[in-house]
Amino acid sequence: MTDPVVSATVQLRAAELAGQLGGQWNYLTTCGPDATQIKALLIRGQEEGWWHFEVACATDGWRDA
């Protein structure tokens, strides 16, 4: 089984590279028990200036994470 935080980190690194090339990266995730870690990673990366993220459609699970 793939660690969801590692998976999100890989996806976000790909997003960073896409941004450097003038692109955009979309990442979809489920809101299982690891949503808190993924959300924390996204927020931390944005606060540190690594990327910007937007949530287009959020479930209660994502908002509660």
C-alpha atoms as a PDB file:
ATOM      1  CA  MET A   1       0.000   0.000   0.000  1.00  0.00           C
ATOM      2  CA  THR A   2       1.294   3.465  -0.875  1.00  0.00           C
ATOM      3  CA  ASP A   3       1.641   5.960   1.952  1.00  0.00           C
ATOM      4  CA  PRO A   4      -0.872   8.749   1.162  1.00  0.00           C
ATOM      5  CA  VAL A   5       1.394  11.518   2.441  1.00  0.00           C
ATOM      6  CA  VAL A   6       4.281  10.297   0.282  1.00  0.00           C
ATOM      7  CA  SER A   7       1.887  10.008  -2.641  1.00  0.00           C
ATOM      8  CA  ALA A   8       0.632  13.560  -2.084  1.00  0.00           C
ATOM      9  CA  THR A   9       4.219  14.835  -1.823  1.00  0.00           C
ATOM     10  CA  VAL A  10       5.099  13.224  -5.154  1.00  0.00           C
ATOM     11  CA  GLN A  11       1.972  14.673  -6.749  1.00  0.00           C
ATOM     12  CA  LEU A  12       2.733  18.123  -5.383  1.00  0.00           C
ATOM     13  CA  ARG A  13       6.333  17.976  -6.616  1.00  0.00           C
ATOM     14  CA  ALA A  14       4.923  17.179 -10.043  1.00  0.00           C
ATOM     15  CA  ALA A  15       2.626  20.187  -9.639  1.00  0.00           C
ATOM     16  CA  GLU A  16       5.617  22.384  -8.838  1.00  0.00           C
ATOM     17  CA  LEU A  17       7.397  21.212 -11.974  1.00  0.00           C
ATOM     18  CA  ALA A  18       4.259  21.738 -14.057  1.00  0.00           C
ATOM     19  CA  GLY A  19       4.039  25.279 -12.683  1.00  0.00           C
ATOM     20  CA  GLN A  20       7.615  25.992 -13.722  1.00  0.00           C
ATOM     21  CA  LEU A  21       6.668  24.934 -17.212  1.00  0.00           C
ATOM     22  CA  GLY A  22       3.633  27.207 -17.153  1.00  0.00           C
ATOM     23  CA  GLY A  23       1.127  24.478 -16.415  1.00  0.00           C
ATOM     24  CA  GLN A  24      -1.323  23.483 -13.763  1.00  0.00           C
ATOM     25  CA  TRP A  25      -1.662  20.262 -11.801  1.00  0.00           C
ATOM     26  CA  ASN A  26      -4.889  18.844 -10.474  1.00  0.00           C
ATOM     27  CA  TYR A  27      -4.806  16.354  -7.644  1.00  0.00           C
ATOM     28  CA  LEU A  28      -7.812  14.438  -6.418  1.00  0.00           C
ATOM     29  CA  THR A  29      -7.873  12.688  -3.076  1.00  0.00           C
ATOM     30  CA  THR A  30     -10.375  10.909  -0.902  1.00  0.00           C
ATOM     31  CA  CYS A  31     -11.088  12.018   2.625  1.00  0.00           C
ATOM     32  CA  GLY A  32     -10.120   8.948   4.548  1.00  0.00           C
ATOM     33  CA  PRO A  33      -8.239   8.886   7.826  1.00  0.00           C
ATOM     34  CA  ASP A  34      -5.153  10.407   6.182  1.00  0.00           C
ATOM     35  CA  ALA A  35      -6.947  13.545   4.956  1.00  0.00           C
ATOM     36  CA  THR A  36      -5.650  15.449   7.990  1.00  0.00           C
ATOM     37  CA  GLN A  37      -2.027  14.736   7.003  1.00  0.00           C
ATOM     38  CA  ILE A  38      -2.586  15.595   3.349  1.00  0.00           C
ATOM     39  CA  LYS A  39      -4.395  18.812   4.222  1.00  0.00           C
ATOM     40  CA  ALA A  40      -1.621  19.770   6.659  1.00  0.00           C
ATOM     41  CA  LEU A  41       0.976  19.164   3.934  1.00  0.00           C
ATOM     42  CA  LEU A  42      -0.924  21.358   1.482  1.00  0.00           C
ATOM     43  CA  ILE A  43      -1.320  24.164   4.014  1.00  0.00           C
ATOM     44  CA  ARG A  44       2.330  23.981   5.081  1.00  0.00           C
ATOM     45  CA  GLY A  45       3.557  24.076   1.481  1.00  0.00           C
ATOM     46  CA  GLN A  46       1.390  27.089   0.744  1.00  0.00           C
ATOM     47  CA  GLU A  47       2.544  28.915   3.897  1.00  0.00           C
ATOM     48  CA  GLU A  48       6.174  28.245   2.961  1.00  0.00           C
ATOM     49  CA  GLY A  49       5.645  29.523  -0.571  1.00  0.00           C
ATOM     50  CA  TRP A  50       6.101  26.187  -2.341  1.00  0.00           C
ATOM     51  CA  TRP A  51       2.716  26.218  -4.063  1.00  0.00           C
ATOM     52  CA  HIS A  52      -0.780  27.545  -4.054  1.00  0.00           C
ATOM     53  CA  PHE A  53      -3.736  25.236  -3.736  1.00  0.00           C
ATOM     54  CA  GLU A  54      -7.449  25.618  -4.071  1.00  0.00           C
ATOM     55  CA  VAL A  55     -10.215  23.253  -3.103  1.00  0.00           C
ATOM     56  CA  ALA A  56     -12.873  23.273  -5.779  1.00  0.00           C
ATOM     57  CA  CYS A  57     -15.283  20.841  -4.174  1.00  0.00           C
ATOM     58  CA  ALA A  58     -14.903  19.717  -0.589  1.00  0.00           C
ATOM     59  CA  THR A  59     -16.713  17.099   1.412  1.00  0.00           C
ATOM     60  CA  ASP A  60     -17.474  17.364   5.104  1.00  0.00           C
ATOM     61  CA  GLY A  61     -14.574  14.954   5.655  1.00  0.00           C
ATOM     62  CA  TRP A  62     -12.140  17.375   4.026  1.00  0.00           C
ATOM     63  CA  ARG A  63     -13.497  20.413   5.872  1.00  0.00           C
ATOM     64  CA  ASP A  64     -13.324  18.541   9.181  1.00  0.00           C
ATOM     65  CA  ALA A  65      -9.754  17.315   8.604  1.00  0.00           C
END
